Amino acid sequence: MAWRCGVSGARAGRIVTLARGLEALPACRALFEAGSLSEDQVAVIVRHTDADHDEQVAELAPSLTVTQLQRVLPSLPHPEPQPADDNDDDDERGPGEPE
């Protein structure tokens, strides 16, 4: 990408990171493609937004500056990761019980 587009390797990496992040954020991606969001805004959005908040962020982001996005987006609630459900019978034994 760096050679074909005439950008540095680091810049090419940032563009790829943005593109991959936008795959999970269709509402924000549509705004970016329409020119309603800048690349700098999208960089902050991709870093701090999950798919559950895509629509909410898409409503707010066009009216916020990059600095405002940097302040607001980290405070969005993120769901707690669910513990893995192993279903192992080992966990049902009490202490001191043989295997």
PDB file of N, CA and C in Angstrom:
ATOM      1  N   MET A   1       0.835  -1.187   0.000  1.00  0.00           N
ATOM      2  CA  MET A   1       0.000   0.000   0.000  1.00  0.00           C
ATOM      3  C   MET A   1       0.882   1.254   0.000  1.00  0.00           C
ATOM      4  N   ALA A   2       1.962   1.205   0.760  1.00  0.00           N
ATOM      5  CA  ALA A   2       2.828   2.379   0.843  1.00  0.00           C
ATOM      6  C   ALA A   2       3.368   2.749  -0.533  1.00  0.00           C
ATOM      7  N   TRP A   3       3.806   1.774  -1.293  1.00  0.00           N
ATOM      8  CA  TRP A   3       4.374   2.045  -2.611  1.00  0.00           C
ATOM      9  C   TRP A   3       3.312   2.513  -3.592  1.00  0.00           C
ATOM     10  N   ARG A   4       2.171   1.836  -3.642  1.00  0.00           N
ATOM     11  CA  ARG A   4       1.130   2.181  -4.619  1.00  0.00           C
ATOM     12  C   ARG A   4       0.463   3.516  -4.325  1.00  0.00           C
ATOM     13  N   CYS A   5       0.324   3.859  -3.070  1.00  0.00           N
ATOM     14  CA  CYS A   5      -0.376   5.101  -2.709  1.00  0.00           C
ATOM     15  C   CYS A   5       0.586   6.254  -2.442  1.00  0.00           C
ATOM     16  N   GLY A   6       1.862   5.964  -2.382  1.00  0.00           N
ATOM     17  CA  GLY A   6       2.836   7.018  -2.151  1.00  0.00           C
ATOM     18  C   GLY A   6       2.821   7.574  -0.744  1.00  0.00           C
ATOM     19  N   VAL A   7       2.552   6.708   0.225  1.00  0.00           N
ATOM     20  CA  VAL A   7       2.565   7.132   1.623  1.00  0.00           C
ATOM     21  C   VAL A   7       3.631   6.329   2.361  1.00  0.00           C
ATOM     22  N   SER A   8       4.024   6.802   3.515  1.00  0.00           N
ATOM     23  CA  SER A   8       5.028   6.081   4.303  1.00  0.00           C
ATOM     24  C   SER A   8       4.431   4.777   4.836  1.00  0.00           C
ATOM     25  N   GLY A   9       5.308   3.890   5.247  1.00  0.00           N
ATOM     26  CA  GLY A   9       4.854   2.634   5.825  1.00  0.00           C
ATOM     27  C   GLY A   9       4.012   2.836   7.072  1.00  0.00           C
ATOM     28  N   ALA A  10       4.411   3.798   7.902  1.00  0.00           N
ATOM     29  CA  ALA A  10       3.654   4.083   9.129  1.00  0.00           C
ATOM     30  C   ALA A  10       2.259   4.604   8.800  1.00  0.00           C
ATOM     31  N   ARG A  11       2.197   5.503   7.836  1.00  0.00           N
ATOM     32  CA  ARG A  11       0.894   6.053   7.427  1.00  0.00           C
ATOM     33  C   ARG A  11       0.018   4.963   6.826  1.00  0.00           C
ATOM     34  N   ALA A  12       0.596   4.105   6.019  1.00  0.00           N
ATOM     35  CA  ALA A  12      -0.157   2.991   5.442  1.00  0.00           C
ATOM     36  C   ALA A  12      -0.714   2.103   6.556  1.00  0.00           C
ATOM     37  N   GLY A  13       0.083   1.862   7.589  1.00  0.00           N
ATOM     38  CA  GLY A  13      -0.384   1.066   8.722  1.00  0.00           C
ATOM     39  C   GLY A  13      -1.557   1.710   9.435  1.00  0.00           C
ATOM     40  N   ARG A  14      -1.505   3.031   9.604  1.00  0.00           N
ATOM     41  CA  ARG A  14      -2.620   3.746  10.248  1.00  0.00           C
ATOM     42  C   ARG A  14      -3.884   3.650   9.406  1.00  0.00           C
ATOM     43  N   ILE A  15      -3.748   3.762   8.096  1.00  0.00           N
ATOM     44  CA  ILE A  15      -4.914   3.676   7.212  1.00  0.00           C
ATOM     45  C   ILE A  15      -5.536   2.286   7.291  1.00  0.00           C
ATOM     46  N   VAL A  16      -4.705   1.266   7.296  1.00  0.00           N
ATOM     47  CA  VAL A  16      -5.207  -0.105   7.396  1.00  0.00           C
ATOM     48  C   VAL A  16      -5.909  -0.315   8.738  1.00  0.00           C
ATOM     49  N   THR A  17      -5.341   0.215   9.810  1.00  0.00           N
ATOM     50  CA  THR A  17      -5.963   0.105  11.133  1.00  0.00           C
ATOM     51  C   THR A  17      -7.339   0.766  11.138  1.00  0.00           C
ATOM     52  N   LEU A  18      -7.450   1.947  10.528  1.00  0.00           N
ATOM     53  CA  LEU A  18      -8.746   2.628  10.444  1.00  0.00           C
ATOM     54  C   LEU A  18      -9.745   1.793   9.651  1.00  0.00           C
ATOM     55  N   ALA A  19      -9.311   1.279   8.523  1.00  0.00           N
ATOM     56  CA  ALA A  19     -10.205   0.493   7.675  1.00  0.00           C
ATOM     57  C   ALA A  19     -10.715  -0.745   8.411  1.00  0.00           C
ATOM     58  N   ARG A  20      -9.825  -1.418   9.112  1.00  0.00           N
ATOM     59  CA  ARG A  20     -10.235  -2.611   9.859  1.00  0.00           C
ATOM     60  C   ARG A  20     -11.185  -2.254  10.994  1.00  0.00           C
ATOM     61  N   GLY A  21     -10.905  -1.151  11.687  1.00  0.00           N
ATOM     62  CA  GLY A  21     -11.780  -0.728  12.772  1.00  0.00           C
ATOM     63  C   GLY A  21     -13.158  -0.329  12.297  1.00  0.00           C
ATOM     64  N   LEU A  22     -13.228   0.287  11.124  1.00  0.00           N
ATOM     65  CA  LEU A  22     -14.514   0.722  10.589  1.00  0.00           C
ATOM     66  C   LEU A  22     -15.386  -0.435  10.114  1.00  0.00           C
ATOM     67  N   GLU A  23     -14.807  -1.605   9.913  1.00  0.00           N
ATOM     68  CA  GLU A  23     -15.602  -2.769   9.501  1.00  0.00           C
ATOM     69  C   GLU A  23     -16.693  -3.080  10.524  1.00  0.00           C
ATOM     70  N   ALA A  24     -16.416  -2.852  11.800  1.00  0.00           N
ATOM     71  CA  ALA A  24     -17.373  -3.151  12.870  1.00  0.00           C
ATOM     72  C   ALA A  24     -18.282  -1.969  13.196  1.00  0.00           C
ATOM     73  N   LEU A  25     -18.085  -0.839  12.508  1.00  0.00           N
ATOM     74  CA  LEU A  25     -18.845   0.382  12.803  1.00  0.00           C
ATOM     75  C   LEU A  25     -19.500   0.913  11.528  1.00  0.00           C
ATOM     76  N   PRO A  26     -20.553   0.272  11.054  1.00  0.00           N
ATOM     77  CA  PRO A  26     -21.131   0.661   9.765  1.00  0.00           C
ATOM     78  C   PRO A  26     -21.702   2.089   9.728  1.00  0.00           C
ATOM     79  N   ALA A  27     -22.282   2.554  10.803  1.00  0.00           N
ATOM     80  CA  ALA A  27     -22.846   3.910  10.802  1.00  0.00           C
ATOM     81  C   ALA A  27     -21.737   4.953  10.724  1.00  0.00           C
ATOM     82  N   CYS A  28     -20.679   4.754  11.480  1.00  0.00           N
ATOM     83  CA  CYS A  28     -19.548   5.681  11.434  1.00  0.00           C
ATOM     84  C   CYS A  28     -18.829   5.590  10.092  1.00  0.00           C
ATOM     85  N   ARG A  29     -18.723   4.391   9.553  1.00  0.00           N
ATOM     86  CA  ARG A  29     -18.093   4.208   8.246  1.00  0.00           C
ATOM     87  C   ARG A  29     -18.854   4.977   7.162  1.00  0.00           C
ATOM     88  N   ALA A  30     -20.174   4.918   7.206  1.00  0.00           N
ATOM     89  CA  ALA A  30     -20.992   5.631   6.226  1.00  0.00           C
ATOM     90  C   ALA A  30     -20.762   7.138   6.315  1.00  0.00           C
ATOM     91  N   LEU A  31     -20.643   7.658   7.524  1.00  0.00           N
ATOM     92  CA  LEU A  31     -20.375   9.090   7.690  1.00  0.00           C
ATOM     93  C   LEU A  31     -18.993   9.458   7.165  1.00  0.00           C
ATOM     94  N   PHE A  32     -18.019   8.601   7.398  1.00  0.00           N
ATOM     95  CA  PHE A  32     -16.663   8.848   6.904  1.00  0.00           C
ATOM     96  C   PHE A  32     -16.653   8.842   5.373  1.00  0.00           C
ATOM     97  N   GLU A  33     -17.311   7.853   4.787  1.00  0.00           N
ATOM     98  CA  GLU A  33     -17.368   7.764   3.328  1.00  0.00           C
ATOM     99  C   GLU A  33     -18.096   8.952   2.719  1.00  0.00           C
ATOM    100  N   ALA A  34     -19.066   9.508   3.429  1.00  0.00           N
ATOM    101  CA  ALA A  34     -19.819  10.667   2.941  1.00  0.00           C
ATOM    102  C   ALA A  34     -19.063  11.976   3.157  1.00  0.00           C
ATOM    103  N   GLY A  35     -17.953  11.914   3.886  1.00  0.00           N
ATOM    104  CA  GLY A  35     -17.170  13.118   4.139  1.00  0.00           C
ATOM    105  C   GLY A  35     -17.611  13.892   5.361  1.00  0.00           C
ATOM    106  N   SER A  36     -18.464  13.297   6.181  1.00  0.00           N
ATOM    107  CA  SER A  36     -18.951  13.978   7.385  1.00  0.00           C
ATOM    108  C   SER A  36     -18.009  13.833   8.572  1.00  0.00           C
ATOM    109  N   LEU A  37     -17.080  12.881   8.489  1.00  0.00           N
ATOM    110  CA  LEU A  37     -16.085  12.691   9.539  1.00  0.00           C
ATOM    111  C   LEU A  37     -14.702  12.755   8.920  1.00  0.00           C
ATOM    112  N   SER A  38     -13.772  13.357   9.645  1.00  0.00           N
ATOM    113  CA  SER A  38     -12.392  13.427   9.176  1.00  0.00           C
ATOM    114  C   SER A  38     -11.651  12.152   9.568  1.00  0.00           C
ATOM    115  N   GLU A  39     -10.506  11.960   8.966  1.00  0.00           N
ATOM    116  CA  GLU A  39      -9.673  10.812   9.307  1.00  0.00           C
ATOM    117  C   GLU A  39      -9.256  10.863  10.777  1.00  0.00           C
ATOM    118  N   ASP A  40      -8.961  12.053  11.279  1.00  0.00           N
ATOM    119  CA  ASP A  40      -8.567  12.191  12.681  1.00  0.00           C
ATOM    120  C   ASP A  40      -9.722  11.843  13.619  1.00  0.00           C
ATOM    121  N   GLN A  41     -10.942  12.252  13.266  1.00  0.00           N
ATOM    122  CA  GLN A  41     -12.099  11.886  14.073  1.00  0.00           C
ATOM    123  C   GLN A  41     -12.283  10.369  14.082  1.00  0.00           C
ATOM    124  N   VAL A  42     -12.151   9.760  12.913  1.00  0.00           N
ATOM    125  CA  VAL A  42     -12.335   8.321  12.800  1.00  0.00           C
ATOM    126  C   VAL A  42     -11.274   7.564  13.599  1.00  0.00           C
ATOM    127  N   ALA A  43     -10.059   8.072  13.643  1.00  0.00           N
ATOM    128  CA  ALA A  43      -9.011   7.422  14.421  1.00  0.00           C
ATOM    129  C   ALA A  43      -9.406   7.336  15.898  1.00  0.00           C
ATOM    130  N   VAL A  44      -9.973   8.396  16.423  1.00  0.00           N
ATOM    131  CA  VAL A  44     -10.418   8.395  17.826  1.00  0.00           C
ATOM    132  C   VAL A  44     -11.609   7.455  17.992  1.00  0.00           C
ATOM    133  N   ILE A  45     -12.539   7.504  17.055  1.00  0.00           N
ATOM    134  CA  ILE A  45     -13.735   6.660  17.128  1.00  0.00           C
ATOM    135  C   ILE A  45     -13.353   5.185  17.122  1.00  0.00           C
ATOM    136  N   VAL A  46     -12.485   4.791  16.214  1.00  0.00           N
ATOM    137  CA  VAL A  46     -12.074   3.389  16.111  1.00  0.00           C
ATOM    138  C   VAL A  46     -11.380   2.936  17.386  1.00  0.00           C
ATOM    139  N   ARG A  47     -10.612   3.807  17.986  1.00  0.00           N
ATOM    140  CA  ARG A  47      -9.862   3.464  19.198  1.00  0.00           C
ATOM    141  C   ARG A  47     -10.789   3.263  20.399  1.00  0.00           C
ATOM    142  N   HIS A  48     -11.913   4.000  20.458  1.00  0.00           N
ATOM    143  CA  HIS A  48     -12.715   4.014  21.682  1.00  0.00           C
ATOM    144  C   HIS A  48     -14.149   3.519  21.537  1.00  0.00           C
ATOM    145  N   THR A  49     -14.548   3.048  20.367  1.00  0.00           N
ATOM    146  CA  THR A  49     -15.950   2.702  20.168  1.00  0.00           C
ATOM    147  C   THR A  49     -16.091   1.242  19.788  1.00  0.00           C
ATOM    148  N   ASP A  50     -17.087   0.583  20.380  1.00  0.00           N
ATOM    149  CA  ASP A  50     -17.391  -0.783  19.983  1.00  0.00           C
ATOM    150  C   ASP A  50     -18.684  -0.779  19.164  1.00  0.00           C
ATOM    151  N   ALA A  51     -19.017  -1.916  18.607  1.00  0.00           N
ATOM    152  CA  ALA A  51     -20.182  -2.016  17.728  1.00  0.00           C
ATOM    153  C   ALA A  51     -21.479  -1.640  18.445  1.00  0.00           C
ATOM    154  N   ASP A  52     -21.550  -1.875  19.744  1.00  0.00           N
ATOM    155  CA  ASP A  52     -22.759  -1.541  20.498  1.00  0.00           C
ATOM    156  C   ASP A  52     -23.033  -0.042  20.550  1.00  0.00           C
ATOM    157  N   HIS A  53     -22.007   0.774  20.398  1.00  0.00           N
ATOM    158  CA  HIS A  53     -22.164   2.221  20.489  1.00  0.00           C
ATOM    159  C   HIS A  53     -22.046   2.924  19.138  1.00  0.00           C
ATOM    160  N   ASP A  54     -21.996   2.160  18.065  1.00  0.00           N
ATOM    161  CA  ASP A  54     -21.802   2.726  16.734  1.00  0.00           C
ATOM    162  C   ASP A  54     -22.840   3.793  16.395  1.00  0.00           C
ATOM    163  N   GLU A  55     -24.104   3.486  16.549  1.00  0.00           N
ATOM    164  CA  GLU A  55     -25.179   4.437  16.203  1.00  0.00           C
ATOM    165  C   GLU A  55     -25.105   5.690  17.075  1.00  0.00           C
ATOM    166  N   GLN A  56     -24.877   5.512  18.353  1.00  0.00           N
ATOM    167  CA  GLN A  56     -24.803   6.637  19.287  1.00  0.00           C
ATOM    168  C   GLN A  56     -23.644   7.564  18.919  1.00  0.00           C
ATOM    169  N   VAL A  57     -22.493   6.984  18.635  1.00  0.00           N
ATOM    170  CA  VAL A  57     -21.317   7.779  18.275  1.00  0.00           C
ATOM    171  C   VAL A  57     -21.540   8.454  16.922  1.00  0.00           C
ATOM    172  N   ALA A  58     -22.187   7.759  15.996  1.00  0.00           N
ATOM    173  CA  ALA A  58     -22.450   8.339  14.674  1.00  0.00           C
ATOM    174  C   ALA A  58     -23.341   9.576  14.779  1.00  0.00           C
ATOM    175  N   GLU A  59     -24.227   9.609  15.752  1.00  0.00           N
ATOM    176  CA  GLU A  59     -25.074  10.789  15.951  1.00  0.00           C
ATOM    177  C   GLU A  59     -24.271  11.965  16.505  1.00  0.00           C
ATOM    178  N   LEU A  60     -23.348  11.678  17.400  1.00  0.00           N
ATOM    179  CA  LEU A  60     -22.593  12.741  18.076  1.00  0.00           C
ATOM    180  C   LEU A  60     -21.375  13.232  17.292  1.00  0.00           C
ATOM    181  N   ALA A  61     -20.646  12.316  16.711  1.00  0.00           N
ATOM    182  CA  ALA A  61     -19.311  12.606  16.177  1.00  0.00           C
ATOM    183  C   ALA A  61     -19.228  13.750  15.170  1.00  0.00           C
ATOM    184  N   PRO A  62     -20.156  13.876  14.223  1.00  0.00           N
ATOM    185  CA  PRO A  62     -19.995  14.957  13.249  1.00  0.00           C
ATOM    186  C   PRO A  62     -19.996  16.356  13.871  1.00  0.00           C
ATOM    187  N   SER A  63     -20.595  16.500  15.035  1.00  0.00           N
ATOM    188  CA  SER A  63     -20.659  17.825  15.663  1.00  0.00           C
ATOM    189  C   SER A  63     -19.568  18.041  16.709  1.00  0.00           C
ATOM    190  N   LEU A  64     -18.690  17.048  16.894  1.00  0.00           N
ATOM    191  CA  LEU A  64     -17.638  17.163  17.895  1.00  0.00           C
ATOM    192  C   LEU A  64     -16.272  17.277  17.235  1.00  0.00           C
ATOM    193  N   THR A  65     -15.383  18.018  17.877  1.00  0.00           N
ATOM    194  CA  THR A  65     -14.001  18.108  17.412  1.00  0.00           C
ATOM    195  C   THR A  65     -13.243  16.864  17.852  1.00  0.00           C
ATOM    196  N   VAL A  66     -12.056  16.689  17.351  1.00  0.00           N
ATOM    197  CA  VAL A  66     -11.223  15.557  17.747  1.00  0.00           C
ATOM    198  C   VAL A  66     -10.965  15.595  19.250  1.00  0.00           C
ATOM    199  N   THR A  67     -10.650  16.759  19.774  1.00  0.00           N
ATOM    200  CA  THR A  67     -10.395  16.895  21.214  1.00  0.00           C
ATOM    201  C   THR A  67     -11.632  16.521  22.025  1.00  0.00           C
ATOM    202  N   GLN A  68     -12.801  16.948  21.583  1.00  0.00           N
ATOM    203  CA  GLN A  68     -14.027  16.597  22.289  1.00  0.00           C
ATOM    204  C   GLN A  68     -14.287  15.097  22.230  1.00  0.00           C
ATOM    205  N   LEU A  69     -14.040  14.489  21.076  1.00  0.00           N
ATOM    206  CA  LEU A  69     -14.199  13.041  20.963  1.00  0.00           C
ATOM    207  C   LEU A  69     -13.243  12.319  21.907  1.00  0.00           C
ATOM    208  N   GLN A  70     -12.014  12.825  22.020  1.00  0.00           N
ATOM    209  CA  GLN A  70     -11.034  12.208  22.911  1.00  0.00           C
ATOM    210  C   GLN A  70     -11.481  12.263  24.363  1.00  0.00           C
ATOM    211  N   ARG A  71     -12.245  13.263  24.719  1.00  0.00           N
ATOM    212  CA  ARG A  71     -12.751  13.387  26.092  1.00  0.00           C
ATOM    213  C   ARG A  71     -13.997  12.550  26.321  1.00  0.00           C
ATOM    214  N   VAL A  72     -14.891  12.517  25.339  1.00  0.00           N
ATOM    215  CA  VAL A  72     -16.202  11.888  25.515  1.00  0.00           C
ATOM    216  C   VAL A  72     -16.169  10.374  25.324  1.00  0.00           C
ATOM    217  N   LEU A  73     -15.536   9.905  24.276  1.00  0.00           N
ATOM    218  CA  LEU A  73     -15.640   8.488  23.935  1.00  0.00           C
ATOM    219  C   LEU A  73     -15.065   7.525  24.974  1.00  0.00           C
ATOM    220  N   PRO A  74     -13.961   7.833  25.628  1.00  0.00           N
ATOM    221  CA  PRO A  74     -13.485   6.878  26.642  1.00  0.00           C
ATOM    222  C   PRO A  74     -14.449   6.698  27.805  1.00  0.00           C
ATOM    223  N   SER A  75     -15.361   7.634  28.006  1.00  0.00           N
ATOM    224  CA  SER A  75     -16.297   7.527  29.122  1.00  0.00           C
ATOM    225  C   SER A  75     -17.553   6.725  28.775  1.00  0.00           C
ATOM    226  N   LEU A  76     -17.690   6.286  27.524  1.00  0.00           N
ATOM    227  CA  LEU A  76     -18.835   5.453  27.174  1.00  0.00           C
ATOM    228  C   LEU A  76     -18.749   4.139  27.940  1.00  0.00           C
ATOM    229  N   PRO A  77     -19.889   3.658  28.428  1.00  0.00           N
ATOM    230  CA  PRO A  77     -19.842   2.378  29.155  1.00  0.00           C
ATOM    231  C   PRO A  77     -19.543   1.236  28.186  1.00  0.00           C
ATOM    232  N   HIS A  78     -18.690   0.343  28.615  1.00  0.00           N
ATOM    233  CA  HIS A  78     -18.377  -0.835  27.820  1.00  0.00           C
ATOM    234  C   HIS A  78     -18.825  -2.056  28.597  1.00  0.00           C
ATOM    235  N   PRO A  79     -19.500  -2.985  27.933  1.00  0.00           N
ATOM    236  CA  PRO A  79     -19.968  -4.170  28.656  1.00  0.00           C
ATOM    237  C   PRO A  79     -18.793  -4.984  29.202  1.00  0.00           C
ATOM    238  N   GLU A  80     -19.019  -5.555  30.374  1.00  0.00           N
ATOM    239  CA  GLU A  80     -18.012  -6.412  30.975  1.00  0.00           C
ATOM    240  C   GLU A  80     -17.873  -7.673  30.136  1.00  0.00           C
ATOM    241  N   PRO A  81     -16.654  -8.113  29.874  1.00  0.00           N
ATOM    242  CA  PRO A  81     -16.499  -9.365  29.136  1.00  0.00           C
ATOM    243  C   PRO A  81     -17.088 -10.517  29.932  1.00  0.00           C
ATOM    244  N   GLN A  82     -17.807 -11.386  29.266  1.00  0.00           N
ATOM    245  CA  GLN A  82     -18.425 -12.526  29.923  1.00  0.00           C
ATOM    246  C   GLN A  82     -17.370 -13.600  30.155  1.00  0.00           C
ATOM    247  N   PRO A  83     -17.370 -14.202  31.358  1.00  0.00           N
ATOM    248  CA  PRO A  83     -16.403 -15.277  31.606  1.00  0.00           C
ATOM    249  C   PRO A  83     -16.715 -16.472  30.718  1.00  0.00           C
ATOM    250  N   ALA A  84     -15.685 -17.191  30.363  1.00  0.00           N
ATOM    251  CA  ALA A  84     -15.861 -18.375  29.526  1.00  0.00           C
ATOM    252  C   ALA A  84     -16.635 -19.431  30.296  1.00  0.00           C
ATOM    253  N   ASP A  85     -17.585 -20.040  29.635  1.00  0.00           N
ATOM    254  CA  ASP A  85     -18.383 -21.101  30.243  1.00  0.00           C
ATOM    255  C   ASP A  85     -17.756 -22.431  29.864  1.00  0.00           C
ATOM    256  N   ASP A  86     -16.926 -22.969  30.778  1.00  0.00           N
ATOM    257  CA  ASP A  86     -16.163 -24.172  30.470  1.00  0.00           C
ATOM    258  C   ASP A  86     -16.992 -25.447  30.563  1.00  0.00           C
ATOM    259  N   ASN A  87     -18.011 -25.464  31.407  1.00  0.00           N
ATOM    260  CA  ASN A  87     -18.836 -26.651  31.621  1.00  0.00           C
ATOM    261  C   ASN A  87     -18.005 -27.865  32.036  1.00  0.00           C
ATOM    262  N   ASP A  88     -16.907 -27.656  32.707  1.00  0.00           N
ATOM    263  CA  ASP A  88     -16.080 -28.770  33.189  1.00  0.00           C
ATOM    264  C   ASP A  88     -16.664 -29.302  34.488  1.00  0.00           C
ATOM    265  N   ASP A  89     -16.664 -30.596  34.614  1.00  0.00           N
ATOM    266  CA  ASP A  89     -17.145 -31.216  35.840  1.00  0.00           C
ATOM    267  C   ASP A  89     -16.160 -31.020  36.977  1.00  0.00           C
ATOM    268  N   ASP A  90     -14.918 -30.666  36.658  1.00  0.00           N
ATOM    269  CA  ASP A  90     -13.898 -30.484  37.677  1.00  0.00           C
ATOM    270  C   ASP A  90     -14.288 -29.395  38.666  1.00  0.00           C
ATOM    271  N   ASP A  91     -14.995 -28.376  38.207  1.00  0.00           N
ATOM    272  CA  ASP A  91     -15.358 -27.247  39.044  1.00  0.00           C
ATOM    273  C   ASP A  91     -16.439 -27.614  40.050  1.00  0.00           C
ATOM    274  N   GLU A  92     -17.167 -28.731  39.812  1.00  0.00           N
ATOM    275  CA  GLU A  92     -18.275 -29.084  40.688  1.00  0.00           C
ATOM    276  C   GLU A  92     -17.815 -29.855  41.920  1.00  0.00           C
ATOM    277  N   ARG A  93     -16.581 -30.354  41.913  1.00  0.00           N
ATOM    278  CA  ARG A  93     -16.066 -31.078  43.070  1.00  0.00           C
ATOM    279  C   ARG A  93     -15.711 -30.097  44.170  1.00  0.00           C
ATOM    280  N   GLY A  94     -15.958 -30.488  45.345  1.00  0.00           N
ATOM    281  CA  GLY A  94     -15.586 -29.673  46.484  1.00  0.00           C
ATOM    282  C   GLY A  94     -14.125 -29.851  46.825  1.00  0.00           C
ATOM    283  N   PRO A  95     -13.608 -29.014  47.731  1.00  0.00           N
ATOM    284  CA  PRO A  95     -12.199 -29.160  48.125  1.00  0.00           C
ATOM    285  C   PRO A  95     -11.991 -30.499  48.803  1.00  0.00           C
ATOM    286  N   GLY A  96     -10.883 -31.139  48.474  1.00  0.00           N
ATOM    287  CA  GLY A  96     -10.529 -32.402  49.093  1.00  0.00           C
ATOM    288  C   GLY A  96     -11.194 -33.605  48.452  1.00  0.00           C
ATOM    289  N   GLU A  97     -12.084 -33.431  47.523  1.00  0.00           N
ATOM    290  CA  GLU A  97     -12.720 -34.559  46.867  1.00  0.00           C
ATOM    291  C   GLU A  97     -11.782 -35.116  45.797  1.00  0.00           C
ATOM    292  N   PRO A  98     -11.740 -36.439  45.667  1.00  0.00           N
ATOM    293  CA  PRO A  98     -10.865 -37.030  44.645  1.00  0.00           C
ATOM    294  C   PRO A  98     -11.352 -36.720  43.238  1.00  0.00           C
ATOM    295  N   GLU A  99     -10.422 -36.807  42.309  1.00  0.00           N
ATOM    296  CA  GLU A  99     -10.764 -36.530  40.915  1.00  0.00           C
ATOM    297  C   GLU A  99     -11.431 -37.680  40.268  1.00  0.00           C
TER     298      GLU A  99
END
